[in-house]
Amino acid sequence: MDKWADYLISAVRSNPGMQSIDSVEVHSDFGNIVCETCIMPRALVIEQIKNGRRFATVFRTPIVKWRKGQDVRVVTVGGVDYLRTDSNSVASDNFDNVPEF
């Protein structure tokens, strides 16, 4: 299996009342296996993407396999960076229906 990204996001933690998330649940993508779960702060995800690391969303299927979602990118609106799975210039994070943790 080909590698989908450097890191795969399977869940997000929202910032109540904010237009951004607080942190994400991240897995390393080794191509043939998805593992090494950790919690990564939003700011570190933004920094990693700006430094060339690739992130994508992933979802667990009912038969406990992984399905790739969308690529995650940084979109800057009004001088503020947001994480989005689409390319819309909207001042909020967007994660393609990734569940909360």
C-alpha atoms as a PDB file:
ATOM      1  CA  MET A   1       0.000   0.000   0.000  1.00  0.00           C
ATOM      2  CA  ASP A   2       1.307   3.467  -0.860  1.00  0.00           C
ATOM      3  CA  LYS A   3       1.776   6.056   1.842  1.00  0.00           C
ATOM      4  CA  TRP A   4      -1.155   8.522   2.008  1.00  0.00           C
ATOM      5  CA  ALA A   5       0.682  11.234   3.982  1.00  0.00           C
ATOM      6  CA  ASP A   6       3.316  11.634   6.677  1.00  0.00           C
ATOM      7  CA  TYR A   7       0.607  11.880   9.355  1.00  0.00           C
ATOM      8  CA  LEU A   8      -3.050  10.868   9.432  1.00  0.00           C
ATOM      9  CA  ILE A   9      -5.666  12.693  11.513  1.00  0.00           C
ATOM     10  CA  SER A  10      -8.454  10.490  12.886  1.00  0.00           C
ATOM     11  CA  ALA A  11     -10.064  12.816  15.474  1.00  0.00           C
ATOM     12  CA  VAL A  12     -10.082  16.479  16.527  1.00  0.00           C
ATOM     13  CA  ARG A  13     -10.660  18.339  19.781  1.00  0.00           C
ATOM     14  CA  SER A  14     -12.638  21.567  19.371  1.00  0.00           C
ATOM     15  CA  ASN A  15     -12.014  24.871  21.066  1.00  0.00           C
ATOM     16  CA  PRO A  16     -15.462  25.708  22.532  1.00  0.00           C
ATOM     17  CA  GLY A  17     -16.775  28.961  21.074  1.00  0.00           C
ATOM     18  CA  MET A  18     -13.805  29.327  18.725  1.00  0.00           C
ATOM     19  CA  GLN A  19     -13.422  28.831  14.977  1.00  0.00           C
ATOM     20  CA  SER A  20     -10.409  26.607  15.433  1.00  0.00           C
ATOM     21  CA  ILE A  21      -9.606  23.231  16.894  1.00  0.00           C
ATOM     22  CA  ASP A  22      -7.342  22.741  19.905  1.00  0.00           C
ATOM     23  CA  SER A  23      -5.534  19.526  18.939  1.00  0.00           C
ATOM     24  CA  VAL A  24      -5.750  16.438  16.753  1.00  0.00           C
ATOM     25  CA  GLU A  25      -5.288  12.700  17.173  1.00  0.00           C
ATOM     26  CA  VAL A  26      -2.490  11.782  14.770  1.00  0.00           C
ATOM     27  CA  HIS A  27      -1.139   8.483  13.468  1.00  0.00           C
ATOM     28  CA  SER A  28       2.093   7.882  11.582  1.00  0.00           C
ATOM     29  CA  ASP A  29       1.591   6.515   8.073  1.00  0.00           C
ATOM     30  CA  PHE A  30       4.145   3.827   7.238  1.00  0.00           C
ATOM     31  CA  GLY A  31       2.447   2.857   3.964  1.00  0.00           C
ATOM     32  CA  ASN A  32       1.474  -0.655   4.954  1.00  0.00           C
ATOM     33  CA  ILE A  33       0.454   0.170   8.525  1.00  0.00           C
ATOM     34  CA  VAL A  34      -1.142   3.079  10.399  1.00  0.00           C
ATOM     35  CA  CYS A  35       0.105   3.337  13.979  1.00  0.00           C
ATOM     36  CA  GLU A  36       1.860   5.400  16.664  1.00  0.00           C
ATOM     37  CA  THR A  37      -1.107   7.427  17.881  1.00  0.00           C
ATOM     38  CA  CYS A  38      -0.394  10.719  19.635  1.00  0.00           C
ATOM     39  CA  ILE A  39      -2.146  14.004  20.361  1.00  0.00           C
ATOM     40  CA  MET A  40      -0.666  16.944  18.451  1.00  0.00           C
ATOM     41  CA  PRO A  41      -1.477  20.616  19.170  1.00  0.00           C
ATOM     42  CA  ARG A  42      -2.984  22.628  16.318  1.00  0.00           C
ATOM     43  CA  ALA A  43       0.005  25.012  16.189  1.00  0.00           C
ATOM     44  CA  LEU A  44       2.407  22.095  15.669  1.00  0.00           C
ATOM     45  CA  VAL A  45       0.289  20.714  12.804  1.00  0.00           C
ATOM     46  CA  ILE A  46       0.413  24.135  11.118  1.00  0.00           C
ATOM     47  CA  GLU A  47       4.182  24.338  11.645  1.00  0.00           C
ATOM     48  CA  GLN A  48       4.715  20.818  10.297  1.00  0.00           C
ATOM     49  CA  ILE A  49       2.653  21.511   7.149  1.00  0.00           C
ATOM     50  CA  LYS A  50       4.579  24.734   6.537  1.00  0.00           C
ATOM     51  CA  ASN A  51       7.796  22.695   6.838  1.00  0.00           C
ATOM     52  CA  GLY A  52       6.686  20.267   4.119  1.00  0.00           C
ATOM     53  CA  ARG A  53       5.058  17.439   6.103  1.00  0.00           C
ATOM     54  CA  ARG A  54       1.867  16.036   4.587  1.00  0.00           C
ATOM     55  CA  PHE A  55      -1.300  15.456   6.646  1.00  0.00           C
ATOM     56  CA  ALA A  56      -4.560  13.780   5.624  1.00  0.00           C
ATOM     57  CA  THR A  57      -7.714  12.717   7.424  1.00  0.00           C
ATOM     58  CA  VAL A  58      -8.517   9.021   7.906  1.00  0.00           C
ATOM     59  CA  PHE A  59     -11.582   7.086   8.976  1.00  0.00           C
ATOM     60  CA  ARG A  60     -11.961   3.585  10.418  1.00  0.00           C
ATOM     61  CA  THR A  61     -14.283   1.343   8.449  1.00  0.00           C
ATOM     62  CA  PRO A  62     -16.717  -1.080  10.126  1.00  0.00           C
ATOM     63  CA  ILE A  63     -14.270  -3.932   9.415  1.00  0.00           C
ATOM     64  CA  VAL A  64     -11.483  -2.055  11.263  1.00  0.00           C
ATOM     65  CA  LYS A  65      -9.542  -0.930   8.219  1.00  0.00           C
ATOM     66  CA  TRP A  66      -8.531   2.629   7.410  1.00  0.00           C
ATOM     67  CA  ARG A  67     -10.007   4.749   4.613  1.00  0.00           C
ATOM     68  CA  LYS A  68      -8.243   7.921   3.488  1.00  0.00           C
ATOM     69  CA  GLY A  69     -10.199  11.153   3.702  1.00  0.00           C
ATOM     70  CA  GLN A  70      -8.949  14.510   2.440  1.00  0.00           C
ATOM     71  CA  ASP A  71      -5.547  16.182   2.455  1.00  0.00           C
ATOM     72  CA  VAL A  72      -5.166  18.855   5.157  1.00  0.00           C
ATOM     73  CA  ARG A  73      -3.736  22.231   4.191  1.00  0.00           C
ATOM     74  CA  VAL A  74      -3.032  25.588   5.817  1.00  0.00           C
ATOM     75  CA  VAL A  75      -5.207  28.469   4.590  1.00  0.00           C
ATOM     76  CA  THR A  76      -4.338  31.987   5.764  1.00  0.00           C
ATOM     77  CA  VAL A  77      -7.245  34.419   6.186  1.00  0.00           C
ATOM     78  CA  GLY A  78      -6.639  37.921   7.528  1.00  0.00           C
ATOM     79  CA  GLY A  79      -3.144  36.950   8.665  1.00  0.00           C
ATOM     80  CA  VAL A  80      -4.409  33.951  10.696  1.00  0.00           C
ATOM     81  CA  ASP A  81      -3.625  30.350   9.725  1.00  0.00           C
ATOM     82  CA  TYR A  82      -6.425  27.762   9.625  1.00  0.00           C
ATOM     83  CA  LEU A  83      -6.384  24.031   8.934  1.00  0.00           C
ATOM     84  CA  ARG A  84      -8.771  22.945   6.205  1.00  0.00           C
ATOM     85  CA  THR A  85      -9.567  19.901   4.098  1.00  0.00           C
ATOM     86  CA  ASP A  86     -10.922  22.159   1.361  1.00  0.00           C
ATOM     87  CA  SER A  87      -9.291  25.183  -0.258  1.00  0.00           C
ATOM     88  CA  ASN A  88     -11.973  27.688   0.782  1.00  0.00           C
ATOM     89  CA  SER A  89     -10.644  30.921   2.280  1.00  0.00           C
ATOM     90  CA  VAL A  90     -12.931  30.795   5.320  1.00  0.00           C
ATOM     91  CA  ALA A  91     -11.751  31.953   8.761  1.00  0.00           C
ATOM     92  CA  SER A  92     -12.256  28.603  10.509  1.00  0.00           C
ATOM     93  CA  ASP A  93     -10.790  25.116  10.665  1.00  0.00           C
ATOM     94  CA  ASN A  94     -12.528  22.428   8.587  1.00  0.00           C
ATOM     95  CA  PHE A  95     -11.895  18.695   8.947  1.00  0.00           C
ATOM     96  CA  ASP A  96     -14.200  16.783   6.591  1.00  0.00           C
ATOM     97  CA  ASN A  97     -16.477  15.230   9.273  1.00  0.00           C
ATOM     98  CA  VAL A  98     -13.619  13.892  11.397  1.00  0.00           C
ATOM     99  CA  PRO A  99     -15.045  12.869  14.797  1.00  0.00           C
ATOM    100  CA  GLU A 100     -14.308  14.642  18.104  1.00  0.00           C
ATOM    101  CA  PHE A 101     -12.316  13.077  20.917  1.00  0.00           C
END
